[in-house]
Amino acid sequence: DRKDINYVIECSEEAAGDINQRGGGNIAK
């Protein structure tokens, strides 16, 4: 069930972020 997932680890080749934190985004969440 969806509610039973406690943690997500995202491991793609892309990164999300802006000029202050390049790659600092959290695609997993």
mmCIF file of all heavy atoms, coordinates in Angstrom:
data_MODEL
# 
_entry.id   MODEL 
# 
loop_
_atom_site.group_PDB 
_atom_site.id 
_atom_site.type_symbol 
_atom_site.label_atom_id 
_atom_site.label_alt_id 
_atom_site.label_comp_id 
_atom_site.label_asym_id 
_atom_site.label_entity_id 
_atom_site.label_seq_id 
_atom_site.pdbx_PDB_ins_code 
_atom_site.Cartn_x 
_atom_site.Cartn_y 
_atom_site.Cartn_z 
_atom_site.occupancy 
_atom_site.B_iso_or_equiv 
_atom_site.pdbx_formal_charge 
_atom_site.auth_seq_id 
_atom_site.auth_comp_id 
_atom_site.auth_asym_id 
_atom_site.auth_atom_id 
_atom_site.pdbx_PDB_model_num 
ATOM 1   N N   . ASP A 1 1  ? 0.838  -1.200 0.000   1.00 0.00 ? 1  ASP A N   1 
ATOM 2   C CA  . ASP A 1 1  ? 0.000  0.000  0.000   1.00 0.00 ? 1  ASP A CA  1 
ATOM 3   C C   . ASP A 1 1  ? 0.874  1.252  0.000   1.00 0.00 ? 1  ASP A C   1 
ATOM 4   O O   . ASP A 1 1  ? 1.947  1.282  0.607   1.00 0.00 ? 1  ASP A O   1 
ATOM 5   C CB  . ASP A 1 1  ? -0.896 -0.006 1.234   1.00 0.00 ? 1  ASP A CB  1 
ATOM 6   C CG  . ASP A 1 1  ? -2.013 1.022  1.134   1.00 0.00 ? 1  ASP A CG  1 
ATOM 7   O OD1 . ASP A 1 1  ? -1.733 2.209  1.388   1.00 0.00 ? 1  ASP A OD1 1 
ATOM 8   O OD2 . ASP A 1 1  ? -3.149 0.645  0.797   1.00 0.00 ? 1  ASP A OD2 1 
ATOM 9   N N   . ARG A 1 2  ? 0.390  2.296  -0.660  1.00 0.00 ? 2  ARG A N   1 
ATOM 10  C CA  . ARG A 1 2  ? 1.149  3.546  -0.731  1.00 0.00 ? 2  ARG A CA  1 
ATOM 11  C C   . ARG A 1 2  ? 1.506  4.098  0.638   1.00 0.00 ? 2  ARG A C   1 
ATOM 12  O O   . ARG A 1 2  ? 2.600  4.628  0.842   1.00 0.00 ? 2  ARG A O   1 
ATOM 13  C CB  . ARG A 1 2  ? 0.358  4.607  -1.498  1.00 0.00 ? 2  ARG A CB  1 
ATOM 14  C CG  . ARG A 1 2  ? 0.005  4.249  -2.917  1.00 0.00 ? 2  ARG A CG  1 
ATOM 15  C CD  . ARG A 1 2  ? -0.674 5.434  -3.594  1.00 0.00 ? 2  ARG A CD  1 
ATOM 16  N NE  . ARG A 1 2  ? -1.484 5.003  -4.717  1.00 0.00 ? 2  ARG A NE  1 
ATOM 17  C CZ  . ARG A 1 2  ? -2.022 5.819  -5.603  1.00 0.00 ? 2  ARG A CZ  1 
ATOM 18  N NH1 . ARG A 1 2  ? -1.831 7.120  -5.494  1.00 0.00 ? 2  ARG A NH1 1 
ATOM 19  N NH2 . ARG A 1 2  ? -2.748 5.363  -6.598  1.00 0.00 ? 2  ARG A NH2 1 
ATOM 20  N N   . LYS A 1 3  ? 0.590  3.985  1.579   1.00 0.00 ? 3  LYS A N   1 
ATOM 21  C CA  . LYS A 1 3  ? 0.819  4.583  2.897   1.00 0.00 ? 3  LYS A CA  1 
ATOM 22  C C   . LYS A 1 3  ? 1.909  3.860  3.680   1.00 0.00 ? 3  LYS A C   1 
ATOM 23  O O   . LYS A 1 3  ? 2.415  4.377  4.689   1.00 0.00 ? 3  LYS A O   1 
ATOM 24  C CB  . LYS A 1 3  ? -0.478 4.588  3.706   1.00 0.00 ? 3  LYS A CB  1 
ATOM 25  C CG  . LYS A 1 3  ? -0.970 3.230  4.167   1.00 0.00 ? 3  LYS A CG  1 
ATOM 26  C CD  . LYS A 1 3  ? -2.228 3.369  5.016   1.00 0.00 ? 3  LYS A CD  1 
ATOM 27  C CE  . LYS A 1 3  ? -2.693 2.037  5.607   1.00 0.00 ? 3  LYS A CE  1 
ATOM 28  N NZ  . LYS A 1 3  ? -3.052 1.055  4.560   1.00 0.00 ? 3  LYS A NZ  1 
ATOM 29  N N   . ASP A 1 4  ? 2.310  2.668  3.212   1.00 0.00 ? 4  ASP A N   1 
ATOM 30  C CA  . ASP A 1 4  ? 3.321  1.888  3.927   1.00 0.00 ? 4  ASP A CA  1 
ATOM 31  C C   . ASP A 1 4  ? 4.744  2.160  3.443   1.00 0.00 ? 4  ASP A C   1 
ATOM 32  O O   . ASP A 1 4  ? 5.702  1.581  3.969   1.00 0.00 ? 4  ASP A O   1 
ATOM 33  C CB  . ASP A 1 4  ? 3.017  0.387  3.791   1.00 0.00 ? 4  ASP A CB  1 
ATOM 34  C CG  . ASP A 1 4  ? 1.745  -0.005 4.521   1.00 0.00 ? 4  ASP A CG  1 
ATOM 35  O OD1 . ASP A 1 4  ? 1.431  0.638  5.542   1.00 0.00 ? 4  ASP A OD1 1 
ATOM 36  O OD2 . ASP A 1 4  ? 1.053  -0.936 4.063   1.00 0.00 ? 4  ASP A OD2 1 
ATOM 37  N N   . ILE A 1 5  ? 4.904  3.010  2.442   1.00 0.00 ? 5  ILE A N   1 
ATOM 38  C CA  . ILE A 1 5  ? 6.245  3.397  2.002   1.00 0.00 ? 5  ILE A CA  1 
ATOM 39  C C   . ILE A 1 5  ? 6.755  4.499  2.918   1.00 0.00 ? 5  ILE A C   1 
ATOM 40  O O   . ILE A 1 5  ? 6.134  5.554  3.042   1.00 0.00 ? 5  ILE A O   1 
ATOM 41  C CB  . ILE A 1 5  ? 6.238  3.892  0.534   1.00 0.00 ? 5  ILE A CB  1 
ATOM 42  C CG1 . ILE A 1 5  ? 5.758  2.782  -0.409  1.00 0.00 ? 5  ILE A CG1 1 
ATOM 43  C CG2 . ILE A 1 5  ? 7.636  4.364  0.129   1.00 0.00 ? 5  ILE A CG2 1 
ATOM 44  C CD1 . ILE A 1 5  ? 6.653  1.564  -0.462  1.00 0.00 ? 5  ILE A CD1 1 
ATOM 45  N N   . ASN A 1 6  ? 7.896  4.251  3.576   1.00 0.00 ? 6  ASN A N   1 
ATOM 46  C CA  . ASN A 1 6  ? 8.441  5.201  4.552   1.00 0.00 ? 6  ASN A CA  1 
ATOM 47  C C   . ASN A 1 6  ? 9.506  6.124  3.977   1.00 0.00 ? 6  ASN A C   1 
ATOM 48  O O   . ASN A 1 6  ? 9.730  7.217  4.494   1.00 0.00 ? 6  ASN A O   1 
ATOM 49  C CB  . ASN A 1 6  ? 9.068  4.457  5.740   1.00 0.00 ? 6  ASN A CB  1 
ATOM 50  C CG  . ASN A 1 6  ? 8.231  3.301  6.219   1.00 0.00 ? 6  ASN A CG  1 
ATOM 51  O OD1 . ASN A 1 6  ? 8.649  2.159  6.095   1.00 0.00 ? 6  ASN A OD1 1 
ATOM 52  N ND2 . ASN A 1 6  ? 7.049  3.593  6.759   1.00 0.00 ? 6  ASN A ND2 1 
ATOM 53  N N   . TYR A 1 7  ? 10.190 5.653  2.925   1.00 0.00 ? 7  TYR A N   1 
ATOM 54  C CA  . TYR A 1 7  ? 11.316 6.437  2.398   1.00 0.00 ? 7  TYR A CA  1 
ATOM 55  C C   . TYR A 1 7  ? 11.460 6.151  0.915   1.00 0.00 ? 7  TYR A C   1 
ATOM 56  O O   . TYR A 1 7  ? 11.220 5.034  0.455   1.00 0.00 ? 7  TYR A O   1 
ATOM 57  C CB  . TYR A 1 7  ? 12.612 6.049  3.121   1.00 0.00 ? 7  TYR A CB  1 
ATOM 58  C CG  . TYR A 1 7  ? 13.710 7.087  3.026   1.00 0.00 ? 7  TYR A CG  1 
ATOM 59  C CD1 . TYR A 1 7  ? 13.647 8.267  3.760   1.00 0.00 ? 7  TYR A CD1 1 
ATOM 60  C CD2 . TYR A 1 7  ? 14.818 6.900  2.208   1.00 0.00 ? 7  TYR A CD2 1 
ATOM 61  C CE1 . TYR A 1 7  ? 14.649 9.228  3.688   1.00 0.00 ? 7  TYR A CE1 1 
ATOM 62  C CE2 . TYR A 1 7  ? 15.823 7.845  2.120   1.00 0.00 ? 7  TYR A CE2 1 
ATOM 63  C CZ  . TYR A 1 7  ? 15.742 9.007  2.866   1.00 0.00 ? 7  TYR A CZ  1 
ATOM 64  O OH  . TYR A 1 7  ? 16.730 9.954  2.787   1.00 0.00 ? 7  TYR A OH  1 
ATOM 65  N N   . VAL A 1 8  ? 11.842 7.191  0.161   1.00 0.00 ? 8  VAL A N   1 
ATOM 66  C CA  . VAL A 1 8  ? 12.056 7.080  -1.280  1.00 0.00 ? 8  VAL A CA  1 
ATOM 67  C C   . VAL A 1 8  ? 13.484 7.528  -1.594  1.00 0.00 ? 8  VAL A C   1 
ATOM 68  O O   . VAL A 1 8  ? 13.904 8.606  -1.149  1.00 0.00 ? 8  VAL A O   1 
ATOM 69  C CB  . VAL A 1 8  ? 11.050 7.934  -2.080  1.00 0.00 ? 8  VAL A CB  1 
ATOM 70  C CG1 . VAL A 1 8  ? 11.328 7.822  -3.583  1.00 0.00 ? 8  VAL A CG1 1 
ATOM 71  C CG2 . VAL A 1 8  ? 9.617  7.511  -1.769  1.00 0.00 ? 8  VAL A CG2 1 
ATOM 72  N N   . ILE A 1 9  ? 14.209 6.700  -2.345  1.00 0.00 ? 9  ILE A N   1 
ATOM 73  C CA  . ILE A 1 9  ? 15.534 7.081  -2.831  1.00 0.00 ? 9  ILE A CA  1 
ATOM 74  C C   . ILE A 1 9  ? 15.451 7.172  -4.342  1.00 0.00 ? 9  ILE A C   1 
ATOM 75  O O   . ILE A 1 9  ? 15.165 6.178  -5.017  1.00 0.00 ? 9  ILE A O   1 
ATOM 76  C CB  . ILE A 1 9  ? 16.615 6.056  -2.427  1.00 0.00 ? 9  ILE A CB  1 
ATOM 77  C CG1 . ILE A 1 9  ? 16.686 5.926  -0.903  1.00 0.00 ? 9  ILE A CG1 1 
ATOM 78  C CG2 . ILE A 1 9  ? 17.972 6.470  -2.983  1.00 0.00 ? 9  ILE A CG2 1 
ATOM 79  C CD1 . ILE A 1 9  ? 17.668 4.867  -0.433  1.00 0.00 ? 9  ILE A CD1 1 
ATOM 80  N N   . GLU A 1 10 ? 15.669 8.360  -4.880  1.00 0.00 ? 10 GLU A N   1 
ATOM 81  C CA  . GLU A 1 10 ? 15.602 8.570  -6.325  1.00 0.00 ? 10 GLU A CA  1 
ATOM 82  C C   . GLU A 1 10 ? 17.019 8.582  -6.884  1.00 0.00 ? 10 GLU A C   1 
ATOM 83  O O   . GLU A 1 10 ? 17.915 9.222  -6.339  1.00 0.00 ? 10 GLU A O   1 
ATOM 84  C CB  . GLU A 1 10 ? 14.895 9.905  -6.611  1.00 0.00 ? 10 GLU A CB  1 
ATOM 85  C CG  . GLU A 1 10 ? 14.314 10.021 -8.013  1.00 0.00 ? 10 GLU A CG  1 
ATOM 86  C CD  . GLU A 1 10 ? 15.321 10.499 -9.035  1.00 0.00 ? 10 GLU A CD  1 
ATOM 87  O OE1 . GLU A 1 10 ? 16.378 11.022 -8.630  1.00 0.00 ? 10 GLU A OE1 1 
ATOM 88  O OE2 . GLU A 1 10 ? 15.063 10.371 -10.242 1.00 0.00 ? 10 GLU A OE2 1 
ATOM 89  N N   . CYS A 1 11 ? 17.250 7.829  -7.966  1.00 0.00 ? 11 CYS A N   1 
ATOM 90  C CA  . CYS A 1 11 ? 18.627 7.601  -8.426  1.00 0.00 ? 11 CYS A CA  1 
ATOM 91  C C   . CYS A 1 11 ? 18.780 7.730  -9.935  1.00 0.00 ? 11 CYS A C   1 
ATOM 92  O O   . CYS A 1 11 ? 19.516 6.977  -10.571 1.00 0.00 ? 11 CYS A O   1 
ATOM 93  C CB  . CYS A 1 11 ? 19.124 6.233  -7.957  1.00 0.00 ? 11 CYS A CB  1 
ATOM 94  S SG  . CYS A 1 11 ? 18.055 4.846  -8.401  1.00 0.00 ? 11 CYS A SG  1 
ATOM 95  N N   . SER A 1 12 ? 18.070 8.695  -10.516 1.00 0.00 ? 12 SER A N   1 
ATOM 96  C CA  . SER A 1 12 ? 18.185 8.912  -11.955 1.00 0.00 ? 12 SER A CA  1 
ATOM 97  C C   . SER A 1 12 ? 19.479 9.652  -12.282 1.00 0.00 ? 12 SER A C   1 
ATOM 98  O O   . SER A 1 12 ? 20.299 9.937  -11.406 1.00 0.00 ? 12 SER A O   1 
ATOM 99  C CB  . SER A 1 12 ? 16.990 9.726  -12.463 1.00 0.00 ? 12 SER A CB  1 
ATOM 100 O OG  . SER A 1 12 ? 17.072 11.057 -11.990 1.00 0.00 ? 12 SER A OG  1 
ATOM 101 N N   . GLU A 1 13 ? 19.653 10.002 -13.556 1.00 0.00 ? 13 GLU A N   1 
ATOM 102 C CA  . GLU A 1 13 ? 20.857 10.708 -13.976 1.00 0.00 ? 13 GLU A CA  1 
ATOM 103 C C   . GLU A 1 13 ? 20.674 12.219 -14.008 1.00 0.00 ? 13 GLU A C   1 
ATOM 104 O O   . GLU A 1 13 ? 21.596 12.959 -14.367 1.00 0.00 ? 13 GLU A O   1 
ATOM 105 C CB  . GLU A 1 13 ? 21.301 10.210 -15.361 1.00 0.00 ? 13 GLU A CB  1 
ATOM 106 C CG  . GLU A 1 13 ? 21.795 8.774  -15.334 1.00 0.00 ? 13 GLU A CG  1 
ATOM 107 C CD  . GLU A 1 13 ? 22.395 8.338  -16.654 1.00 0.00 ? 13 GLU A CD  1 
ATOM 108 O OE1 . GLU A 1 13 ? 21.632 8.229  -17.631 1.00 0.00 ? 13 GLU A OE1 1 
ATOM 109 O OE2 . GLU A 1 13 ? 23.609 8.103  -16.702 1.00 0.00 ? 13 GLU A OE2 1 
ATOM 110 N N   . GLU A 1 14 ? 19.491 12.690 -13.639 1.00 0.00 ? 14 GLU A N   1 
ATOM 111 C CA  . GLU A 1 14 ? 19.227 14.125 -13.657 1.00 0.00 ? 14 GLU A CA  1 
ATOM 112 C C   . GLU A 1 14 ? 19.317 14.716 -12.254 1.00 0.00 ? 14 GLU A C   1 
ATOM 113 O O   . GLU A 1 14 ? 19.231 14.007 -11.255 1.00 0.00 ? 14 GLU A O   1 
ATOM 114 C CB  . GLU A 1 14 ? 17.834 14.392 -14.240 1.00 0.00 ? 14 GLU A CB  1 
ATOM 115 C CG  . GLU A 1 14 ? 17.592 13.784 -15.600 1.00 0.00 ? 14 GLU A CG  1 
ATOM 116 C CD  . GLU A 1 14 ? 18.576 14.260 -16.655 1.00 0.00 ? 14 GLU A CD  1 
ATOM 117 O OE1 . GLU A 1 14 ? 19.269 15.260 -16.433 1.00 0.00 ? 14 GLU A OE1 1 
ATOM 118 O OE2 . GLU A 1 14 ? 18.648 13.625 -17.719 1.00 0.00 ? 14 GLU A OE2 1 
ATOM 119 N N   . ALA A 1 15 ? 19.487 16.019 -12.186 1.00 0.00 ? 15 ALA A N   1 
ATOM 120 C CA  . ALA A 1 15 ? 19.495 16.717 -10.906 1.00 0.00 ? 15 ALA A CA  1 
ATOM 121 C C   . ALA A 1 15 ? 18.652 17.982 -11.028 1.00 0.00 ? 15 ALA A C   1 
ATOM 122 O O   . ALA A 1 15 ? 18.616 18.614 -12.086 1.00 0.00 ? 15 ALA A O   1 
ATOM 123 C CB  . ALA A 1 15 ? 20.917 17.084 -10.497 1.00 0.00 ? 15 ALA A CB  1 
ATOM 124 N N   . ALA A 1 16 ? 17.984 18.345 -9.942  1.00 0.00 ? 16 ALA A N   1 
ATOM 125 C CA  . ALA A 1 16 ? 17.126 19.527 -9.937  1.00 0.00 ? 16 ALA A CA  1 
ATOM 126 C C   . ALA A 1 16 ? 17.677 20.548 -8.950  1.00 0.00 ? 16 ALA A C   1 
ATOM 127 O O   . ALA A 1 16 ? 18.142 20.195 -7.870  1.00 0.00 ? 16 ALA A O   1 
ATOM 128 C CB  . ALA A 1 16 ? 15.698 19.141 -9.553  1.00 0.00 ? 16 ALA A CB  1 
ATOM 129 N N   . GLY A 1 17 ? 17.625 21.815 -9.335  1.00 0.00 ? 17 GLY A N   1 
ATOM 130 C CA  . GLY A 1 17 ? 18.100 22.853 -8.440  1.00 0.00 ? 17 GLY A CA  1 
ATOM 131 C C   . GLY A 1 17 ? 18.170 24.188 -9.149  1.00 0.00 ? 17 GLY A C   1 
ATOM 132 O O   . GLY A 1 17 ? 17.892 24.286 -10.344 1.00 0.00 ? 17 GLY A O   1 
ATOM 133 N N   . ASP A 1 18 ? 18.564 25.232 -8.395  1.00 0.00 ? 18 ASP A N   1 
ATOM 134 C CA  . ASP A 1 18 ? 18.684 26.558 -8.994  1.00 0.00 ? 18 ASP A CA  1 
ATOM 135 C C   . ASP A 1 18 ? 20.092 27.091 -8.793  1.00 0.00 ? 18 ASP A C   1 
ATOM 136 O O   . ASP A 1 18 ? 20.998 26.356 -8.386  1.00 0.00 ? 18 ASP A O   1 
ATOM 137 C CB  . ASP A 1 18 ? 17.635 27.508 -8.411  1.00 0.00 ? 18 ASP A CB  1 
ATOM 138 C CG  . ASP A 1 18 ? 17.752 27.677 -6.901  1.00 0.00 ? 18 ASP A CG  1 
ATOM 139 O OD1 . ASP A 1 18 ? 18.839 27.383 -6.336  1.00 0.00 ? 18 ASP A OD1 1 
ATOM 140 O OD2 . ASP A 1 18 ? 16.769 28.104 -6.274  1.00 0.00 ? 18 ASP A OD2 1 
ATOM 141 N N   . ILE A 1 19 ? 20.287 28.367 -9.076  1.00 0.00 ? 19 ILE A N   1 
ATOM 142 C CA  . ILE A 1 19 ? 21.627 28.949 -9.024  1.00 0.00 ? 19 ILE A CA  1 
ATOM 143 C C   . ILE A 1 19 ? 22.230 28.894 -7.623  1.00 0.00 ? 19 ILE A C   1 
ATOM 144 O O   . ILE A 1 19 ? 23.451 28.884 -7.445  1.00 0.00 ? 19 ILE A O   1 
ATOM 145 C CB  . ILE A 1 19 ? 21.581 30.405 -9.543  1.00 0.00 ? 19 ILE A CB  1 
ATOM 146 C CG1 . ILE A 1 19 ? 22.991 30.912 -9.846  1.00 0.00 ? 19 ILE A CG1 1 
ATOM 147 C CG2 . ILE A 1 19 ? 20.850 31.316 -8.559  1.00 0.00 ? 19 ILE A CG2 1 
ATOM 148 C CD1 . ILE A 1 19 ? 23.002 32.231 -10.591 1.00 0.00 ? 19 ILE A CD1 1 
ATOM 149 N N   . ASN A 1 20 ? 21.384 28.840 -6.605  1.00 0.00 ? 20 ASN A N   1 
ATOM 150 C CA  . ASN A 1 20 ? 21.868 28.790 -5.231  1.00 0.00 ? 20 ASN A CA  1 
ATOM 151 C C   . ASN A 1 20 ? 22.204 27.366 -4.772  1.00 0.00 ? 20 ASN A C   1 
ATOM 152 O O   . ASN A 1 20 ? 23.026 27.194 -3.872  1.00 0.00 ? 20 ASN A O   1 
ATOM 153 C CB  . ASN A 1 20 ? 20.819 29.388 -4.290  1.00 0.00 ? 20 ASN A CB  1 
ATOM 154 C CG  . ASN A 1 20 ? 20.575 30.846 -4.579  1.00 0.00 ? 20 ASN A CG  1 
ATOM 155 O OD1 . ASN A 1 20 ? 21.494 31.651 -4.518  1.00 0.00 ? 20 ASN A OD1 1 
ATOM 156 N ND2 . ASN A 1 20 ? 19.336 31.185 -4.921  1.00 0.00 ? 20 ASN A ND2 1 
ATOM 157 N N   . GLN A 1 21 ? 21.544 26.391 -5.379  1.00 0.00 ? 21 GLN A N   1 
ATOM 158 C CA  . GLN A 1 21 ? 21.789 24.986 -5.023  1.00 0.00 ? 21 GLN A CA  1 
ATOM 159 C C   . GLN A 1 21 ? 21.641 24.125 -6.262  1.00 0.00 ? 21 GLN A C   1 
ATOM 160 O O   . GLN A 1 21 ? 20.653 23.416 -6.445  1.00 0.00 ? 21 GLN A O   1 
ATOM 161 C CB  . GLN A 1 21 ? 20.797 24.509 -3.950  1.00 0.00 ? 21 GLN A CB  1 
ATOM 162 C CG  . GLN A 1 21 ? 21.174 24.919 -2.552  1.00 0.00 ? 21 GLN A CG  1 
ATOM 163 C CD  . GLN A 1 21 ? 20.339 24.170 -1.526  1.00 0.00 ? 21 GLN A CD  1 
ATOM 164 O OE1 . GLN A 1 21 ? 19.138 23.982 -1.681  1.00 0.00 ? 21 GLN A OE1 1 
ATOM 165 N NE2 . GLN A 1 21 ? 20.983 23.716 -0.471  1.00 0.00 ? 21 GLN A NE2 1 
ATOM 166 N N   . ARG A 1 22 ? 22.621 24.167 -7.125  1.00 0.00 ? 22 ARG A N   1 
ATOM 167 C CA  . ARG A 1 22 ? 22.574 23.357 -8.343  1.00 0.00 ? 22 ARG A CA  1 
ATOM 168 C C   . ARG A 1 22 ? 22.605 21.871 -7.961  1.00 0.00 ? 22 ARG A C   1 
ATOM 169 O O   . ARG A 1 22 ? 23.545 21.399 -7.341  1.00 0.00 ? 22 ARG A O   1 
ATOM 170 C CB  . ARG A 1 22 ? 23.751 23.702 -9.247  1.00 0.00 ? 22 ARG A CB  1 
ATOM 171 C CG  . ARG A 1 22 ? 23.638 25.073 -9.882  1.00 0.00 ? 22 ARG A CG  1 
ATOM 172 C CD  . ARG A 1 22 ? 24.801 25.389 -10.767 1.00 0.00 ? 22 ARG A CD  1 
ATOM 173 N NE  . ARG A 1 22 ? 26.031 25.585 -9.991  1.00 0.00 ? 22 ARG A NE  1 
ATOM 174 C CZ  . ARG A 1 22 ? 27.223 25.829 -10.511 1.00 0.00 ? 22 ARG A CZ  1 
ATOM 175 N NH1 . ARG A 1 22 ? 27.370 25.872 -11.812 1.00 0.00 ? 22 ARG A NH1 1 
ATOM 176 N NH2 . ARG A 1 22 ? 28.267 26.018 -9.744  1.00 0.00 ? 22 ARG A NH2 1 
ATOM 177 N N   . GLY A 1 23 ? 21.571 21.156 -8.345  1.00 0.00 ? 23 GLY A N   1 
ATOM 178 C CA  . GLY A 1 23 ? 21.500 19.740 -8.002  1.00 0.00 ? 23 GLY A CA  1 
ATOM 179 C C   . GLY A 1 23 ? 21.024 19.480 -6.599  1.00 0.00 ? 23 GLY A C   1 
ATOM 180 O O   . GLY A 1 23 ? 21.017 18.348 -6.146  1.00 0.00 ? 23 GLY A O   1 
ATOM 181 N N   . GLY A 1 24 ? 20.597 20.529 -5.903  1.00 0.00 ? 24 GLY A N   1 
ATOM 182 C CA  . GLY A 1 24 ? 20.189 20.355 -4.510  1.00 0.00 ? 24 GLY A CA  1 
ATOM 183 C C   . GLY A 1 24 ? 18.733 19.977 -4.320  1.00 0.00 ? 24 GLY A C   1 
ATOM 184 O O   . GLY A 1 24 ? 18.281 19.774 -3.197  1.00 0.00 ? 24 GLY A O   1 
ATOM 185 N N   . GLY A 1 25 ? 17.994 19.880 -5.421  1.00 0.00 ? 25 GLY A N   1 
ATOM 186 C CA  . GLY A 1 25 ? 16.566 19.566 -5.320  1.00 0.00 ? 25 GLY A CA  1 
ATOM 187 C C   . GLY A 1 25 ? 16.315 18.131 -4.893  1.00 0.00 ? 25 GLY A C   1 
ATOM 188 O O   . GLY A 1 25 ? 17.220 17.294 -4.869  1.00 0.00 ? 25 GLY A O   1 
ATOM 189 N N   . ASN A 1 26 ? 15.086 17.837 -4.547  1.00 0.00 ? 26 ASN A N   1 
ATOM 190 C CA  . ASN A 1 26 ? 14.727 16.512 -4.046  1.00 0.00 ? 26 ASN A CA  1 
ATOM 191 C C   . ASN A 1 26 ? 13.660 15.905 -4.960  1.00 0.00 ? 26 ASN A C   1 
ATOM 192 O O   . ASN A 1 26 ? 12.464 16.073 -4.735  1.00 0.00 ? 26 ASN A O   1 
ATOM 193 C CB  . ASN A 1 26 ? 14.215 16.632 -2.610  1.00 0.00 ? 26 ASN A CB  1 
ATOM 194 C CG  . ASN A 1 26 ? 14.135 15.291 -1.914  1.00 0.00 ? 26 ASN A CG  1 
ATOM 195 O OD1 . ASN A 1 26 ? 13.803 14.281 -2.528  1.00 0.00 ? 26 ASN A OD1 1 
ATOM 196 N ND2 . ASN A 1 26 ? 14.432 15.282 -0.626  1.00 0.00 ? 26 ASN A ND2 1 
ATOM 197 N N   . ILE A 1 27 ? 14.111 15.215 -6.007  1.00 0.00 ? 27 ILE A N   1 
ATOM 198 C CA  . ILE A 1 27 ? 13.164 14.588 -6.938  1.00 0.00 ? 27 ILE A CA  1 
ATOM 199 C C   . ILE A 1 27 ? 12.426 13.448 -6.249  1.00 0.00 ? 27 ILE A C   1 
ATOM 200 O O   . ILE A 1 27 ? 11.267 13.165 -6.560  1.00 0.00 ? 27 ILE A O   1 
ATOM 201 C CB  . ILE A 1 27 ? 13.900 14.109 -8.203  1.00 0.00 ? 27 ILE A CB  1 
ATOM 202 C CG1 . ILE A 1 27 ? 14.552 15.295 -8.920  1.00 0.00 ? 27 ILE A CG1 1 
ATOM 203 C CG2 . ILE A 1 27 ? 12.935 13.404 -9.159  1.00 0.00 ? 27 ILE A CG2 1 
ATOM 204 C CD1 . ILE A 1 27 ? 15.338 14.929 -10.162 1.00 0.00 ? 27 ILE A CD1 1 
ATOM 205 N N   . ALA A 1 28 ? 13.078 12.800 -5.289  1.00 0.00 ? 28 ALA A N   1 
ATOM 206 C CA  . ALA A 1 28 ? 12.448 11.686 -4.573  1.00 0.00 ? 28 ALA A CA  1 
ATOM 207 C C   . ALA A 1 28 ? 11.147 12.114 -3.904  1.00 0.00 ? 28 ALA A C   1 
ATOM 208 O O   . ALA A 1 28 ? 10.102 11.463 -4.063  1.00 0.00 ? 28 ALA A O   1 
ATOM 209 C CB  . ALA A 1 28 ? 13.422 11.123 -3.532  1.00 0.00 ? 28 ALA A CB  1 
ATOM 210 N N   . LYS A 1 29 ? 11.179 13.207 -3.177  1.00 0.00 ? 29 LYS A N   1 
ATOM 211 C CA  . LYS A 1 29 ? 9.975  13.643 -2.470  1.00 0.00 ? 29 LYS A CA  1 
ATOM 212 C C   . LYS A 1 29 ? 8.926  14.170 -3.436  1.00 0.00 ? 29 LYS A C   1 
ATOM 213 O O   . LYS A 1 29 ? 7.726  14.053 -3.178  1.00 0.00 ? 29 LYS A O   1 
ATOM 214 C CB  . LYS A 1 29 ? 10.329 14.705 -1.428  1.00 0.00 ? 29 LYS A CB  1 
ATOM 215 C CG  . LYS A 1 29 ? 11.049 14.129 -0.210  1.00 0.00 ? 29 LYS A CG  1 
ATOM 216 C CD  . LYS A 1 29 ? 11.224 15.141 0.902   1.00 0.00 ? 29 LYS A CD  1 
ATOM 217 C CE  . LYS A 1 29 ? 9.934  15.375 1.652   1.00 0.00 ? 29 LYS A CE  1 
ATOM 218 N NZ  . LYS A 1 29 ? 10.144 16.235 2.852   1.00 0.00 ? 29 LYS A NZ  1 
# 
